[in-house]
Amino acid sequence: MSDVQKQQGDVNIWQASAIPERAEALETNIVREGEATGHMHEIVGSDFQLYGHDGRMLAEIRSEDCRVVHPEHGSIKLEPGIWEFGETYEYDYEAEESGKVVD
């Protein structure tokens, strides 16, 4: 995992080194659908490709104008390269348990 990390609501974003060989090119721009609101985290821009591999979501960003957008959060610029998307977790100290952040 790279030192470059970003977050948008319940989505963590970090630079990855490569798209796995058996990754499947996806015909969508949606990174994650919100469980609570139904709002979507999606990539917009002129040149990118999303991939799925073993439950992982990755994107190859090929242009300077790509960003992740969501109606309740500020947009996040994605520089050209490979990016991976994952879930955000939070810890409830009173209940002594962790769980996914629901957006």
C-alpha atoms as a PDB file:
ATOM      1  CA  MET A   1       0.000   0.000   0.000  1.00  0.00           C
ATOM      2  CA  SER A   2       1.181   3.496  -0.844  1.00  0.00           C
ATOM      3  CA  ASP A   3       1.625   6.415   1.537  1.00  0.00           C
ATOM      4  CA  VAL A   4      -0.876   8.387  -0.565  1.00  0.00           C
ATOM      5  CA  GLN A   5      -4.311   7.854   0.969  1.00  0.00           C
ATOM      6  CA  LYS A   6      -7.581   9.723   0.651  1.00  0.00           C
ATOM      7  CA  GLN A   7     -11.047   9.300   2.133  1.00  0.00           C
ATOM      8  CA  GLN A   8     -14.527  10.297   1.033  1.00  0.00           C
ATOM      9  CA  GLY A   9     -17.200   9.410   3.600  1.00  0.00           C
ATOM     10  CA  ASP A  10     -17.180   5.626   3.971  1.00  0.00           C
ATOM     11  CA  VAL A  11     -14.695   5.047   1.130  1.00  0.00           C
ATOM     12  CA  ASN A  12     -10.932   4.806   1.637  1.00  0.00           C
ATOM     13  CA  ILE A  13      -8.794   5.441  -1.440  1.00  0.00           C
ATOM     14  CA  TRP A  14      -5.115   4.619  -1.809  1.00  0.00           C
ATOM     15  CA  GLN A  15      -2.555   4.240  -4.570  1.00  0.00           C
ATOM     16  CA  ALA A  16      -1.873   0.680  -5.679  1.00  0.00           C
ATOM     17  CA  SER A  17       1.075  -0.668  -7.622  1.00  0.00           C
ATOM     18  CA  ALA A  18      -0.750  -2.540 -10.412  1.00  0.00           C
ATOM     19  CA  ILE A  19      -4.044  -3.906 -11.677  1.00  0.00           C
ATOM     20  CA  PRO A  20      -4.079  -7.672 -10.939  1.00  0.00           C
ATOM     21  CA  GLU A  21      -3.662  -9.852 -14.044  1.00  0.00           C
ATOM     22  CA  ARG A  22      -7.078 -11.494 -13.740  1.00  0.00           C
ATOM     23  CA  ALA A  23      -8.983  -8.310 -12.880  1.00  0.00           C
ATOM     24  CA  GLU A  24     -12.219  -7.795 -14.770  1.00  0.00           C
ATOM     25  CA  ALA A  25     -12.836  -4.491 -16.550  1.00  0.00           C
ATOM     26  CA  LEU A  26     -16.156  -3.075 -15.327  1.00  0.00           C
ATOM     27  CA  GLU A  27     -18.644  -1.107 -17.402  1.00  0.00           C
ATOM     28  CA  THR A  28     -19.511   1.389 -14.663  1.00  0.00           C
ATOM     29  CA  ASN A  29     -18.187   4.503 -13.011  1.00  0.00           C
ATOM     30  CA  ILE A  30     -19.682   3.657  -9.577  1.00  0.00           C
ATOM     31  CA  VAL A  31     -17.130   2.887  -6.882  1.00  0.00           C
ATOM     32  CA  ARG A  32     -19.632   2.277  -4.052  1.00  0.00           C
ATOM     33  CA  GLU A  33     -23.346   2.757  -3.421  1.00  0.00           C
ATOM     34  CA  GLY A  34     -24.349   4.291  -0.100  1.00  0.00           C
ATOM     35  CA  GLU A  35     -26.193   1.873   2.178  1.00  0.00           C
ATOM     36  CA  ALA A  36     -28.006   4.572   4.168  1.00  0.00           C
ATOM     37  CA  THR A  37     -28.726   7.264   1.573  1.00  0.00           C
ATOM     38  CA  GLY A  38     -28.508   5.430  -1.742  1.00  0.00           C
ATOM     39  CA  HIS A  39     -26.085   8.119  -2.945  1.00  0.00           C
ATOM     40  CA  MET A  40     -23.178   6.833  -4.978  1.00  0.00           C
ATOM     41  CA  HIS A  41     -19.455   7.462  -4.917  1.00  0.00           C
ATOM     42  CA  GLU A  42     -18.540   7.630  -8.591  1.00  0.00           C
ATOM     43  CA  ILE A  43     -15.610   8.540 -10.774  1.00  0.00           C
ATOM     44  CA  VAL A  44     -16.061  11.288 -13.332  1.00  0.00           C
ATOM     45  CA  GLY A  45     -13.487  12.347 -15.904  1.00  0.00           C
ATOM     46  CA  SER A  46     -12.380  11.780 -19.459  1.00  0.00           C
ATOM     47  CA  ASP A  47     -10.169   8.670 -19.273  1.00  0.00           C
ATOM     48  CA  PHE A  48     -10.315   5.936 -16.631  1.00  0.00           C
ATOM     49  CA  GLN A  49     -11.232   2.271 -16.228  1.00  0.00           C
ATOM     50  CA  LEU A  50     -12.658   0.528 -13.157  1.00  0.00           C
ATOM     51  CA  TYR A  51     -11.708  -3.085 -12.403  1.00  0.00           C
ATOM     52  CA  GLY A  52     -12.976  -5.720  -9.991  1.00  0.00           C
ATOM     53  CA  HIS A  53     -10.814  -8.520  -8.583  1.00  0.00           C
ATOM     54  CA  ASP A  54     -11.593 -10.872  -5.658  1.00  0.00           C
ATOM     55  CA  GLY A  55     -13.964  -8.373  -4.051  1.00  0.00           C
ATOM     56  CA  ARG A  56     -11.568  -5.481  -4.607  1.00  0.00           C
ATOM     57  CA  MET A  57     -12.360  -2.337  -6.638  1.00  0.00           C
ATOM     58  CA  LEU A  58      -9.501  -0.638  -8.490  1.00  0.00           C
ATOM     59  CA  ALA A  59      -9.253   2.140 -11.054  1.00  0.00           C
ATOM     60  CA  GLU A  60      -6.686   2.983 -13.667  1.00  0.00           C
ATOM     61  CA  ILE A  61      -6.737   6.777 -13.966  1.00  0.00           C
ATOM     62  CA  ARG A  62      -5.309   7.995 -17.275  1.00  0.00           C
ATOM     63  CA  SER A  63      -6.195  11.709 -17.313  1.00  0.00           C
ATOM     64  CA  GLU A  64      -5.667  14.704 -15.031  1.00  0.00           C
ATOM     65  CA  ASP A  65      -9.398  15.567 -14.818  1.00  0.00           C
ATOM     66  CA  CYS A  66     -10.623  12.470 -12.917  1.00  0.00           C
ATOM     67  CA  ARG A  67     -12.186  12.747  -9.485  1.00  0.00           C
ATOM     68  CA  VAL A  68     -14.478  10.839  -7.120  1.00  0.00           C
ATOM     69  CA  VAL A  69     -17.777  12.639  -6.502  1.00  0.00           C
ATOM     70  CA  HIS A  70     -20.617  12.156  -4.016  1.00  0.00           C
ATOM     71  CA  PRO A  71     -23.531  14.525  -3.355  1.00  0.00           C
ATOM     72  CA  GLU A  72     -22.781  14.851   0.374  1.00  0.00           C
ATOM     73  CA  HIS A  73     -18.972  15.133   0.238  1.00  0.00           C
ATOM     74  CA  GLY A  74     -16.431  17.277  -1.568  1.00  0.00           C
ATOM     75  CA  SER A  75     -14.960  15.794  -4.728  1.00  0.00           C
ATOM     76  CA  ILE A  76     -11.530  14.172  -4.550  1.00  0.00           C
ATOM     77  CA  LYS A  77      -9.003  14.496  -7.367  1.00  0.00           C
ATOM     78  CA  LEU A  78      -7.377  11.258  -8.500  1.00  0.00           C
ATOM     79  CA  GLU A  79      -4.013  11.774 -10.123  1.00  0.00           C
ATOM     80  CA  PRO A  80      -3.082   9.436 -13.012  1.00  0.00           C
ATOM     81  CA  GLY A  81      -2.076   5.981 -11.787  1.00  0.00           C
ATOM     82  CA  ILE A  82      -3.676   2.968 -10.119  1.00  0.00           C
ATOM     83  CA  TRP A  83      -6.049   3.514  -7.182  1.00  0.00           C
ATOM     84  CA  GLU A  84      -7.802   1.017  -4.914  1.00  0.00           C
ATOM     85  CA  PHE A  85     -11.032   1.601  -2.997  1.00  0.00           C
ATOM     86  CA  GLY A  86     -12.009   0.055   0.333  1.00  0.00           C
ATOM     87  CA  GLU A  87     -14.390   0.423   3.238  1.00  0.00           C
ATOM     88  CA  THR A  88     -13.949   2.702   6.242  1.00  0.00           C
ATOM     89  CA  TYR A  89     -14.376   1.232   9.716  1.00  0.00           C
ATOM     90  CA  GLU A  90     -15.023   2.948  13.026  1.00  0.00           C
ATOM     91  CA  TYR A  91     -14.578   1.778  16.598  1.00  0.00           C
ATOM     92  CA  ASP A  92     -17.241   2.302  19.280  1.00  0.00           C
ATOM     93  CA  TYR A  93     -15.332   2.463  22.578  1.00  0.00           C
ATOM     94  CA  GLU A  94     -18.476   2.202  24.721  1.00  0.00           C
ATOM     95  CA  ALA A  95     -19.695  -0.939  22.967  1.00  0.00           C
ATOM     96  CA  GLU A  96     -16.097  -2.140  22.482  1.00  0.00           C
ATOM     97  CA  GLU A  97     -16.730  -3.126  18.877  1.00  0.00           C
ATOM     98  CA  SER A  98     -15.923  -1.941  15.390  1.00  0.00           C
ATOM     99  CA  GLY A  99     -18.115  -1.733  12.327  1.00  0.00           C
ATOM    100  CA  LYS A 100     -18.314  -0.345   8.822  1.00  0.00           C
ATOM    101  CA  VAL A 101     -19.074   3.325   8.421  1.00  0.00           C
ATOM    102  CA  VAL A 102     -22.474   3.567   6.734  1.00  0.00           C
ATOM    103  CA  ASP A 103     -22.876   6.453   4.301  1.00  0.00           C
END
